[in-house]
Amino acid sequence: MMECTIGNIKIPYHIYGSGRPVLIIHGLTLDHRSMTGFMEPIFSARDEEWKRIYIDLPGMGESKGYHEMSGSDEMLEKVLQFLDQTIPEESFLVVGQSYGGYLTRGIISKKREQVGGAALICPMIVPDKNERDLPLRQVIYQDENLLSQLNREEKEDFQSLAIVQNEDYWNRYRNEILPGRSMADAGFIDKLLSQYAFSFDVDQTISSFEKPVLLVTGRQDSMVGYQDAWRLLEKFPRCTFAVLDRAGHNLQLEQPLLLHRLCNEWLDRVVEIDSFL
């Protein structure tokens, strides 16, 4: 683990591989493990092409000194300063899941010339949950034998988002999602949620971002939905937009094969456009 110091704030990050940088940003209340678990299998065959940078956002993971921060404007500012310190003036890609997808669009709005492409996985589009267009909560598959082996706390936590409740999902959820959730600073998260939206309309600031983009949503995602994301399509002329059935907000755990193929195709498009230019 490495650490980036910005004033009193210490932002931990992990680097894998070498080559062109890829900043990878997790969702709210999680940490880098929620991203390494599904991104590293994608990059394992391309280890020398891409330098993956997995960040722990302030207030989450092993970050420190963030207590004076408040709101998404400051969160974006710290991520931008992190980029200035770790990969100044380099071209890079961004991958963001959920809240990380919101920050990714903030990065594009501020550093579009440096961003060579972006992948948005179940991105948060509308900060106010009451204004989101959400599908009804449903469960596609349920392994009753597995559920009977979990204690009440585990079962409630697992079932809060899982729409495919099987052993494979649970094992990955336990290893990739729960560790970050247990470390997040609940008081800080509440403060962040009170100023969750940027002070500017981030999607209005993005006009025709013409680098390769991947936007993947879950048909059964009752947390951020999929319909609000559709309106972003015209902002990204080189965007592949996918809505996956049998997938909720933790799409990476429910449709890993499809996600891997889509991410590899996105990386191929980035390489192609770079070689053409």
C-alpha atoms as a PDB file:
ATOM      1  CA  MET A   1       0.000   0.000   0.000  1.00  0.00           C
ATOM      2  CA  MET A   2       1.119   3.538  -0.802  1.00  0.00           C
ATOM      3  CA  GLU A   3      -0.136   6.789   0.655  1.00  0.00           C
ATOM      4  CA  CYS A   4      -0.792  10.235  -0.790  1.00  0.00           C
ATOM      5  CA  THR A   5      -0.807  13.170   1.647  1.00  0.00           C
ATOM      6  CA  ILE A   6      -2.996  16.185   0.876  1.00  0.00           C
ATOM      7  CA  GLY A   7      -2.865  18.612   3.773  1.00  0.00           C
ATOM      8  CA  ASN A   8      -3.987  16.591   6.797  1.00  0.00           C
ATOM      9  CA  ILE A   9      -5.612  13.926   4.655  1.00  0.00           C
ATOM     10  CA  LYS A  10      -3.878  10.656   3.912  1.00  0.00           C
ATOM     11  CA  ILE A  11      -5.293   8.742   0.962  1.00  0.00           C
ATOM     12  CA  PRO A  12      -4.097   5.146   0.670  1.00  0.00           C
ATOM     13  CA  TYR A  13      -3.829   3.513  -2.733  1.00  0.00           C
ATOM     14  CA  HIS A  14      -2.635   0.290  -4.302  1.00  0.00           C
ATOM     15  CA  ILE A  15      -0.838  -0.055  -7.635  1.00  0.00           C
ATOM     16  CA  TYR A  16      -0.920  -3.151  -9.835  1.00  0.00           C
ATOM     17  CA  GLY A  17       0.863  -3.639 -13.144  1.00  0.00           C
ATOM     18  CA  SER A  18       2.619  -1.075 -15.314  1.00  0.00           C
ATOM     19  CA  GLY A  19       1.884   1.048 -18.340  1.00  0.00           C
ATOM     20  CA  ARG A  20      -0.784   3.687 -18.862  1.00  0.00           C
ATOM     21  CA  PRO A  21      -2.517   4.727 -15.602  1.00  0.00           C
ATOM     22  CA  VAL A  22      -6.077   3.706 -14.767  1.00  0.00           C
ATOM     23  CA  LEU A  23      -7.667   5.324 -11.707  1.00  0.00           C
ATOM     24  CA  ILE A  24     -10.260   2.964 -10.209  1.00  0.00           C
ATOM     25  CA  ILE A  25     -12.805   4.419  -7.758  1.00  0.00           C
ATOM     26  CA  HIS A  26     -15.074   2.417  -5.472  1.00  0.00           C
ATOM     27  CA  GLY A  27     -18.604   3.202  -4.303  1.00  0.00           C
ATOM     28  CA  LEU A  28     -19.866   4.799  -1.106  1.00  0.00           C
ATOM     29  CA  THR A  29     -18.994   3.046   2.205  1.00  0.00           C
ATOM     30  CA  LEU A  30     -16.664   0.589   0.414  1.00  0.00           C
ATOM     31  CA  ASP A  31     -12.923   0.456  -0.265  1.00  0.00           C
ATOM     32  CA  HIS A  32     -10.481  -0.675  -2.959  1.00  0.00           C
ATOM     33  CA  ARG A  33     -11.263  -4.369  -2.386  1.00  0.00           C
ATOM     34  CA  SER A  34     -14.703  -3.942  -3.914  1.00  0.00           C
ATOM     35  CA  MET A  35     -12.908  -3.007  -7.146  1.00  0.00           C
ATOM     36  CA  THR A  36      -9.790  -5.207  -7.185  1.00  0.00           C
ATOM     37  CA  GLY A  37     -12.012  -8.264  -6.821  1.00  0.00           C
ATOM     38  CA  PHE A  38     -13.559  -7.840 -10.252  1.00  0.00           C
ATOM     39  CA  MET A  39     -11.113  -5.555 -12.078  1.00  0.00           C
ATOM     40  CA  GLU A  40      -7.912  -7.526 -11.536  1.00  0.00           C
ATOM     41  CA  PRO A  41      -9.191 -10.651 -13.341  1.00  0.00           C
ATOM     42  CA  ILE A  42      -9.897  -8.351 -16.303  1.00  0.00           C
ATOM     43  CA  PHE A  43      -6.430  -6.781 -16.261  1.00  0.00           C
ATOM     44  CA  SER A  44      -4.458  -9.942 -15.427  1.00  0.00           C
ATOM     45  CA  ALA A  45      -3.885 -10.732 -19.112  1.00  0.00           C
ATOM     46  CA  ARG A  46      -2.917  -7.105 -19.826  1.00  0.00           C
ATOM     47  CA  ASP A  47      -0.621  -6.540 -16.859  1.00  0.00           C
ATOM     48  CA  GLU A  48       2.081  -4.637 -18.758  1.00  0.00           C
ATOM     49  CA  GLU A  49      -0.350  -2.391 -20.636  1.00  0.00           C
ATOM     50  CA  TRP A  50      -2.105  -0.744 -17.707  1.00  0.00           C
ATOM     51  CA  LYS A  51      -1.037   0.571 -14.308  1.00  0.00           C
ATOM     52  CA  ARG A  52      -4.090   0.196 -12.089  1.00  0.00           C
ATOM     53  CA  ILE A  53      -4.425   2.662  -9.225  1.00  0.00           C
ATOM     54  CA  TYR A  54      -6.992   1.634  -6.620  1.00  0.00           C
ATOM     55  CA  ILE A  55      -7.838   4.434  -4.224  1.00  0.00           C
ATOM     56  CA  ASP A  56      -9.504   4.403  -0.788  1.00  0.00           C
ATOM     57  CA  LEU A  57     -11.679   7.515  -0.754  1.00  0.00           C
ATOM     58  CA  PRO A  58     -11.517   9.785   2.328  1.00  0.00           C
ATOM     59  CA  GLY A  59     -13.734   8.463   5.112  1.00  0.00           C
ATOM     60  CA  MET A  60     -13.461   4.925   3.784  1.00  0.00           C
ATOM     61  CA  GLY A  61     -10.921   2.132   3.860  1.00  0.00           C
ATOM     62  CA  GLU A  62      -7.693   3.090   5.618  1.00  0.00           C
ATOM     63  CA  SER A  63      -7.872   6.815   4.864  1.00  0.00           C
ATOM     64  CA  LYS A  64      -7.011   9.280   7.633  1.00  0.00           C
ATOM     65  CA  GLY A  65      -7.368  12.953   8.526  1.00  0.00           C
ATOM     66  CA  TYR A  66     -10.562  13.543   6.532  1.00  0.00           C
ATOM     67  CA  HIS A  67     -12.817  14.677   9.385  1.00  0.00           C
ATOM     68  CA  GLU A  68     -12.924  18.346   8.362  1.00  0.00           C
ATOM     69  CA  MET A  69     -14.151  17.439   4.890  1.00  0.00           C
ATOM     70  CA  SER A  70     -17.816  17.699   3.944  1.00  0.00           C
ATOM     71  CA  GLY A  71     -19.669  17.120   0.709  1.00  0.00           C
ATOM     72  CA  SER A  72     -18.957  15.815  -2.770  1.00  0.00           C
ATOM     73  CA  ASP A  73     -17.327  19.062  -3.951  1.00  0.00           C
ATOM     74  CA  GLU A  74     -14.512  18.510  -1.458  1.00  0.00           C
ATOM     75  CA  MET A  75     -14.357  14.809  -2.273  1.00  0.00           C
ATOM     76  CA  LEU A  76     -13.867  15.599  -5.963  1.00  0.00           C
ATOM     77  CA  GLU A  77     -11.286  18.262  -5.102  1.00  0.00           C
ATOM     78  CA  LYS A  78      -9.251  15.728  -3.097  1.00  0.00           C
ATOM     79  CA  VAL A  79      -9.414  13.150  -5.892  1.00  0.00           C
ATOM     80  CA  LEU A  80      -8.219  15.774  -8.386  1.00  0.00           C
ATOM     81  CA  GLN A  81      -5.350  16.713  -6.063  1.00  0.00           C
ATOM     82  CA  PHE A  82      -4.541  13.017  -5.717  1.00  0.00           C
ATOM     83  CA  LEU A  83      -4.263  12.804  -9.507  1.00  0.00           C
ATOM     84  CA  ASP A  84      -2.062  15.918  -9.618  1.00  0.00           C
ATOM     85  CA  GLN A  85       0.340  14.312  -7.153  1.00  0.00           C
ATOM     86  CA  THR A  86       0.417  10.744  -8.443  1.00  0.00           C
ATOM     87  CA  ILE A  87       0.094  11.075 -12.242  1.00  0.00           C
ATOM     88  CA  PRO A  88       0.584  14.778 -13.063  1.00  0.00           C
ATOM     89  CA  GLU A  89      -0.021  15.675 -16.719  1.00  0.00           C
ATOM     90  CA  GLU A  90      -0.300  12.010 -17.763  1.00  0.00           C
ATOM     91  CA  SER A  91      -3.141  10.673 -19.845  1.00  0.00           C
ATOM     92  CA  PHE A  92      -5.191   8.168 -17.858  1.00  0.00           C
ATOM     93  CA  LEU A  93      -8.405   6.142 -17.823  1.00  0.00           C
ATOM     94  CA  VAL A  94     -11.021   6.208 -15.075  1.00  0.00           C
ATOM     95  CA  VAL A  95     -13.241   3.406 -13.797  1.00  0.00           C
ATOM     96  CA  GLY A  96     -15.942   4.283 -11.285  1.00  0.00           C
ATOM     97  CA  GLN A  97     -18.594   2.160  -9.605  1.00  0.00           C
ATOM     98  CA  SER A  98     -21.744   3.724  -8.079  1.00  0.00           C
ATOM     99  CA  TYR A  99     -20.591   6.919  -6.268  1.00  0.00           C
ATOM    100  CA  GLY A 100     -17.255   6.375  -8.001  1.00  0.00           C
ATOM    101  CA  GLY A 101     -19.159   6.799 -11.275  1.00  0.00           C
ATOM    102  CA  TYR A 102     -20.390  10.199 -10.105  1.00  0.00           C
ATOM    103  CA  LEU A 103     -16.831  11.237  -9.214  1.00  0.00           C
ATOM    104  CA  THR A 104     -15.636   9.894 -12.570  1.00  0.00           C
ATOM    105  CA  ARG A 105     -17.926  12.313 -14.376  1.00  0.00           C
ATOM    106  CA  GLY A 106     -16.590  15.082 -12.138  1.00  0.00           C
ATOM    107  CA  ILE A 107     -13.048  14.165 -13.183  1.00  0.00           C
ATOM    108  CA  ILE A 108     -14.050  14.252 -16.866  1.00  0.00           C
ATOM    109  CA  SER A 109     -15.585  17.707 -16.375  1.00  0.00           C
ATOM    110  CA  LYS A 110     -12.356  19.051 -14.823  1.00  0.00           C
ATOM    111  CA  LYS A 111      -9.620  17.104 -16.634  1.00  0.00           C
ATOM    112  CA  ARG A 112     -11.198  16.014 -19.911  1.00  0.00           C
ATOM    113  CA  GLU A 113      -8.006  16.490 -21.940  1.00  0.00           C
ATOM    114  CA  GLN A 114      -6.151  14.002 -19.735  1.00  0.00           C
ATOM    115  CA  VAL A 115      -8.909  11.399 -19.612  1.00  0.00           C
ATOM    116  CA  GLY A 116      -8.469   8.847 -22.379  1.00  0.00           C
ATOM    117  CA  GLY A 117     -11.610   6.863 -21.600  1.00  0.00           C
ATOM    118  CA  ALA A 118     -13.999   5.970 -18.816  1.00  0.00           C
ATOM    119  CA  ALA A 119     -15.970   2.990 -17.541  1.00  0.00           C
ATOM    120  CA  LEU A 120     -19.054   3.629 -15.411  1.00  0.00           C
ATOM    121  CA  ILE A 121     -20.342   0.582 -13.543  1.00  0.00           C
ATOM    122  CA  CYS A 122     -23.812   1.049 -12.014  1.00  0.00           C
ATOM    123  CA  PRO A 123     -23.054   4.782 -11.733  1.00  0.00           C
ATOM    124  CA  MET A 124     -24.956   7.063  -9.398  1.00  0.00           C
ATOM    125  CA  ILE A 125     -26.652   9.587 -11.686  1.00  0.00           C
ATOM    126  CA  VAL A 126     -29.165  11.408  -9.467  1.00  0.00           C
ATOM    127  CA  PRO A 127     -27.833  12.251  -5.984  1.00  0.00           C
ATOM    128  CA  ASP A 128     -31.279  12.559  -4.401  1.00  0.00           C
ATOM    129  CA  LYS A 129     -32.634   9.017  -4.104  1.00  0.00           C
ATOM    130  CA  ASN A 130     -36.203  10.323  -3.990  1.00  0.00           C
ATOM    131  CA  GLU A 131     -35.767  11.723  -7.507  1.00  0.00           C
ATOM    132  CA  ARG A 132     -34.345   8.554  -9.073  1.00  0.00           C
ATOM    133  CA  ASP A 133     -36.295   6.434 -11.531  1.00  0.00           C
ATOM    134  CA  LEU A 134     -35.942   3.032  -9.864  1.00  0.00           C
ATOM    135  CA  PRO A 135     -37.302  -0.424 -10.662  1.00  0.00           C
ATOM    136  CA  LEU A 136     -39.168  -2.300  -7.967  1.00  0.00           C
ATOM    137  CA  ARG A 137     -36.995  -4.404  -5.668  1.00  0.00           C
ATOM    138  CA  GLN A 138     -37.017  -8.057  -6.674  1.00  0.00           C
ATOM    139  CA  VAL A 139     -35.032 -11.248  -6.158  1.00  0.00           C
ATOM    140  CA  ILE A 140     -34.233 -13.422  -9.187  1.00  0.00           C
ATOM    141  CA  TYR A 141     -32.768 -16.420  -7.379  1.00  0.00           C
ATOM    142  CA  GLN A 142     -32.536 -17.475  -3.742  1.00  0.00           C
ATOM    143  CA  ASP A 143     -30.556 -20.362  -2.252  1.00  0.00           C
ATOM    144  CA  GLU A 144     -32.495 -21.206   0.892  1.00  0.00           C
ATOM    145  CA  ASN A 145     -29.815 -23.621   2.094  1.00  0.00           C
ATOM    146  CA  LEU A 146     -27.175 -20.875   1.968  1.00  0.00           C
ATOM    147  CA  LEU A 147     -29.412 -18.352   3.715  1.00  0.00           C
ATOM    148  CA  SER A 148     -30.120 -20.809   6.528  1.00  0.00           C
ATOM    149  CA  GLN A 149     -26.377 -20.911   7.298  1.00  0.00           C
ATOM    150  CA  LEU A 150     -26.012 -17.140   7.744  1.00  0.00           C
ATOM    151  CA  ASN A 151     -26.625 -15.373  11.021  1.00  0.00           C
ATOM    152  CA  ARG A 152     -29.307 -12.678  11.129  1.00  0.00           C
ATOM    153  CA  GLU A 153     -26.909  -9.760  10.607  1.00  0.00           C
ATOM    154  CA  GLU A 154     -25.174 -11.457   7.676  1.00  0.00           C
ATOM    155  CA  LYS A 155     -28.485 -12.408   6.099  1.00  0.00           C
ATOM    156  CA  GLU A 156     -29.971  -8.928   6.387  1.00  0.00           C
ATOM    157  CA  ASP A 157     -26.848  -7.267   5.000  1.00  0.00           C
ATOM    158  CA  PHE A 158     -26.512  -9.771   2.151  1.00  0.00           C
ATOM    159  CA  GLN A 159     -30.159  -9.570   1.142  1.00  0.00           C
ATOM    160  CA  SER A 160     -30.245  -5.769   1.188  1.00  0.00           C
ATOM    161  CA  LEU A 161     -28.876  -5.583  -2.377  1.00  0.00           C
ATOM    162  CA  ALA A 162     -28.388  -9.107  -3.728  1.00  0.00           C
ATOM    163  CA  ILE A 163     -30.911 -10.113  -6.345  1.00  0.00           C
ATOM    164  CA  VAL A 164     -29.037 -13.389  -7.020  1.00  0.00           C
ATOM    165  CA  GLN A 165     -28.617 -14.888  -3.580  1.00  0.00           C
ATOM    166  CA  ASN A 166     -26.310 -17.838  -4.148  1.00  0.00           C
ATOM    167  CA  GLU A 167     -23.069 -19.145  -2.669  1.00  0.00           C
ATOM    168  CA  ASP A 168     -20.753 -17.631  -5.295  1.00  0.00           C
ATOM    169  CA  TYR A 169     -22.217 -14.180  -4.702  1.00  0.00           C
ATOM    170  CA  TRP A 170     -22.059 -14.559  -0.917  1.00  0.00           C
ATOM    171  CA  ASN A 171     -18.411 -15.678  -0.918  1.00  0.00           C
ATOM    172  CA  ARG A 172     -17.370 -12.683  -2.999  1.00  0.00           C
ATOM    173  CA  TYR A 173     -19.616 -10.311  -1.071  1.00  0.00           C
ATOM    174  CA  ARG A 174     -18.009 -11.459   2.175  1.00  0.00           C
ATOM    175  CA  ASN A 175     -14.481 -10.936   0.813  1.00  0.00           C
ATOM    176  CA  GLU A 176     -14.902  -7.851  -1.377  1.00  0.00           C
ATOM    177  CA  ILE A 177     -17.803  -5.818   0.004  1.00  0.00           C
ATOM    178  CA  LEU A 178     -18.132  -6.460   3.736  1.00  0.00           C
ATOM    179  CA  PRO A 179     -14.532  -5.503   4.701  1.00  0.00           C
ATOM    180  CA  GLY A 180     -14.966  -1.982   3.354  1.00  0.00           C
ATOM    181  CA  ARG A 181     -18.436  -1.587   4.827  1.00  0.00           C
ATOM    182  CA  SER A 182     -17.100  -2.465   8.268  1.00  0.00           C
ATOM    183  CA  MET A 183     -14.355   0.183   8.038  1.00  0.00           C
ATOM    184  CA  ALA A 184     -16.342   3.152   6.705  1.00  0.00           C
ATOM    185  CA  ASP A 185     -16.794   6.089   9.086  1.00  0.00           C
ATOM    186  CA  ALA A 186     -20.585   6.240   9.542  1.00  0.00           C
ATOM    187  CA  GLY A 187     -20.542   9.806  10.899  1.00  0.00           C
ATOM    188  CA  PHE A 188     -18.512  11.036   7.949  1.00  0.00           C
ATOM    189  CA  ILE A 189     -20.760   9.188   5.487  1.00  0.00           C
ATOM    190  CA  ASP A 190     -23.812  10.915   6.988  1.00  0.00           C
ATOM    191  CA  LYS A 191     -22.092  14.286   6.615  1.00  0.00           C
ATOM    192  CA  LEU A 192     -21.184  13.499   3.010  1.00  0.00           C
ATOM    193  CA  LEU A 193     -24.747  12.449   2.221  1.00  0.00           C
ATOM    194  CA  SER A 194     -26.026  15.793   3.519  1.00  0.00           C
ATOM    195  CA  GLN A 195     -24.076  17.471   0.661  1.00  0.00           C
ATOM    196  CA  TYR A 196     -24.095  14.528  -1.739  1.00  0.00           C
ATOM    197  CA  ALA A 197     -24.647  16.502  -4.943  1.00  0.00           C
ATOM    198  CA  PHE A 198     -21.945  18.645  -6.505  1.00  0.00           C
ATOM    199  CA  SER A 199     -22.627  22.384  -6.376  1.00  0.00           C
ATOM    200  CA  PHE A 200     -22.669  22.270 -10.202  1.00  0.00           C
ATOM    201  CA  ASP A 201     -24.610  20.074 -12.639  1.00  0.00           C
ATOM    202  CA  VAL A 202     -21.783  17.758 -13.591  1.00  0.00           C
ATOM    203  CA  ASP A 203     -23.550  16.256 -16.592  1.00  0.00           C
ATOM    204  CA  GLN A 204     -24.268  19.692 -18.058  1.00  0.00           C
ATOM    205  CA  THR A 205     -20.535  20.444 -17.986  1.00  0.00           C
ATOM    206  CA  ILE A 206     -19.744  17.354 -20.089  1.00  0.00           C
ATOM    207  CA  SER A 207     -20.364  18.098 -23.758  1.00  0.00           C
ATOM    208  CA  SER A 208     -19.499  15.464 -26.360  1.00  0.00           C
ATOM    209  CA  PHE A 209     -16.705  13.589 -24.575  1.00  0.00           C
ATOM    210  CA  GLU A 210     -15.435  11.639 -27.585  1.00  0.00           C
ATOM    211  CA  LYS A 211     -13.166   9.078 -25.919  1.00  0.00           C
ATOM    212  CA  PRO A 212     -14.273   5.426 -25.513  1.00  0.00           C
ATOM    213  CA  VAL A 213     -16.776   4.990 -22.700  1.00  0.00           C
ATOM    214  CA  LEU A 214     -18.474   1.956 -21.195  1.00  0.00           C
ATOM    215  CA  LEU A 215     -21.664   2.422 -19.184  1.00  0.00           C
ATOM    216  CA  VAL A 216     -23.060  -0.764 -17.620  1.00  0.00           C
ATOM    217  CA  THR A 217     -26.219  -0.866 -15.516  1.00  0.00           C
ATOM    218  CA  GLY A 218     -28.301  -3.554 -13.827  1.00  0.00           C
ATOM    219  CA  ARG A 219     -31.892  -4.139 -14.935  1.00  0.00           C
ATOM    220  CA  GLN A 220     -32.844  -4.946 -11.333  1.00  0.00           C
ATOM    221  CA  ASP A 221     -30.718  -2.216  -9.702  1.00  0.00           C
ATOM    222  CA  SER A 222     -33.099  -0.676  -7.169  1.00  0.00           C
ATOM    223  CA  MET A 223     -30.345   1.496  -5.659  1.00  0.00           C
ATOM    224  CA  VAL A 224     -29.442   3.817  -8.566  1.00  0.00           C
ATOM    225  CA  GLY A 225     -31.538   2.298 -11.352  1.00  0.00           C
ATOM    226  CA  TYR A 226     -30.746   2.192 -15.056  1.00  0.00           C
ATOM    227  CA  GLN A 227     -33.175   4.606 -16.724  1.00  0.00           C
ATOM    228  CA  ASP A 228     -31.564   7.812 -15.436  1.00  0.00           C
ATOM    229  CA  ALA A 229     -28.261   6.716 -16.993  1.00  0.00           C
ATOM    230  CA  TRP A 230     -29.778   6.596 -20.478  1.00  0.00           C
ATOM    231  CA  ARG A 231     -29.881  10.387 -20.720  1.00  0.00           C
ATOM    232  CA  LEU A 232     -26.073  10.468 -20.519  1.00  0.00           C
ATOM    233  CA  LEU A 233     -25.694   8.640 -23.817  1.00  0.00           C
ATOM    234  CA  GLU A 234     -25.615  11.753 -26.009  1.00  0.00           C
ATOM    235  CA  LYS A 235     -22.792  13.142 -23.862  1.00  0.00           C
ATOM    236  CA  PHE A 236     -20.619  10.194 -24.901  1.00  0.00           C
ATOM    237  CA  PRO A 237     -20.612   9.616 -28.699  1.00  0.00           C
ATOM    238  CA  ARG A 238     -18.218   6.642 -28.272  1.00  0.00           C
ATOM    239  CA  CYS A 239     -20.225   4.959 -25.526  1.00  0.00           C
ATOM    240  CA  THR A 240     -21.370   1.360 -25.232  1.00  0.00           C
ATOM    241  CA  PHE A 241     -24.466   1.297 -23.031  1.00  0.00           C
ATOM    242  CA  ALA A 242     -25.554  -2.020 -21.540  1.00  0.00           C
ATOM    243  CA  VAL A 243     -28.453  -2.957 -19.275  1.00  0.00           C
ATOM    244  CA  LEU A 244     -27.876  -6.450 -17.886  1.00  0.00           C
ATOM    245  CA  ASP A 245     -30.683  -8.687 -16.723  1.00  0.00           C
ATOM    246  CA  ARG A 246     -30.145 -10.729 -13.560  1.00  0.00           C
ATOM    247  CA  ALA A 247     -28.113  -7.857 -12.137  1.00  0.00           C
ATOM    248  CA  GLY A 248     -28.644  -5.429  -9.281  1.00  0.00           C
ATOM    249  CA  HIS A 249     -26.370  -2.751  -7.836  1.00  0.00           C
ATOM    250  CA  ASN A 250     -23.548  -5.272  -7.279  1.00  0.00           C
ATOM    251  CA  LEU A 251     -23.645  -6.214 -10.934  1.00  0.00           C
ATOM    252  CA  GLN A 252     -20.005  -7.272 -10.855  1.00  0.00           C
ATOM    253  CA  LEU A 253     -20.936 -10.174  -8.557  1.00  0.00           C
ATOM    254  CA  GLU A 254     -24.023 -11.261 -10.476  1.00  0.00           C
ATOM    255  CA  GLN A 255     -22.902 -10.935 -14.106  1.00  0.00           C
ATOM    256  CA  PRO A 256     -19.087 -11.192 -13.933  1.00  0.00           C
ATOM    257  CA  LEU A 257     -18.551 -12.857 -17.329  1.00  0.00           C
ATOM    258  CA  LEU A 258     -20.548 -10.288 -19.272  1.00  0.00           C
ATOM    259  CA  LEU A 259     -18.898  -7.441 -17.384  1.00  0.00           C
ATOM    260  CA  HIS A 260     -15.419  -8.852 -18.078  1.00  0.00           C
ATOM    261  CA  ARG A 261     -16.134  -9.080 -21.790  1.00  0.00           C
ATOM    262  CA  LEU A 262     -17.555  -5.578 -21.946  1.00  0.00           C
ATOM    263  CA  CYS A 263     -14.574  -4.133 -20.060  1.00  0.00           C
ATOM    264  CA  ASN A 264     -12.090  -5.914 -22.319  1.00  0.00           C
ATOM    265  CA  GLU A 265     -13.901  -4.618 -25.396  1.00  0.00           C
ATOM    266  CA  TRP A 266     -13.784  -1.101 -23.914  1.00  0.00           C
ATOM    267  CA  LEU A 267     -10.022  -1.399 -23.358  1.00  0.00           C
ATOM    268  CA  ASP A 268      -9.625  -2.641 -26.934  1.00  0.00           C
ATOM    269  CA  ARG A 269     -11.417   0.488 -28.157  1.00  0.00           C
ATOM    270  CA  VAL A 270      -9.098   2.697 -26.113  1.00  0.00           C
ATOM    271  CA  VAL A 271      -6.041   0.967 -27.601  1.00  0.00           C
ATOM    272  CA  GLU A 272      -7.513   1.232 -31.092  1.00  0.00           C
ATOM    273  CA  ILE A 273      -8.195   4.961 -30.898  1.00  0.00           C
ATOM    274  CA  ASP A 274      -4.721   5.581 -29.429  1.00  0.00           C
ATOM    275  CA  SER A 275      -3.033   3.678 -32.264  1.00  0.00           C
ATOM    276  CA  PHE A 276      -5.153   5.504 -34.866  1.00  0.00           C
ATOM    277  CA  LEU A 277      -4.213   8.907 -33.446  1.00  0.00           C
END
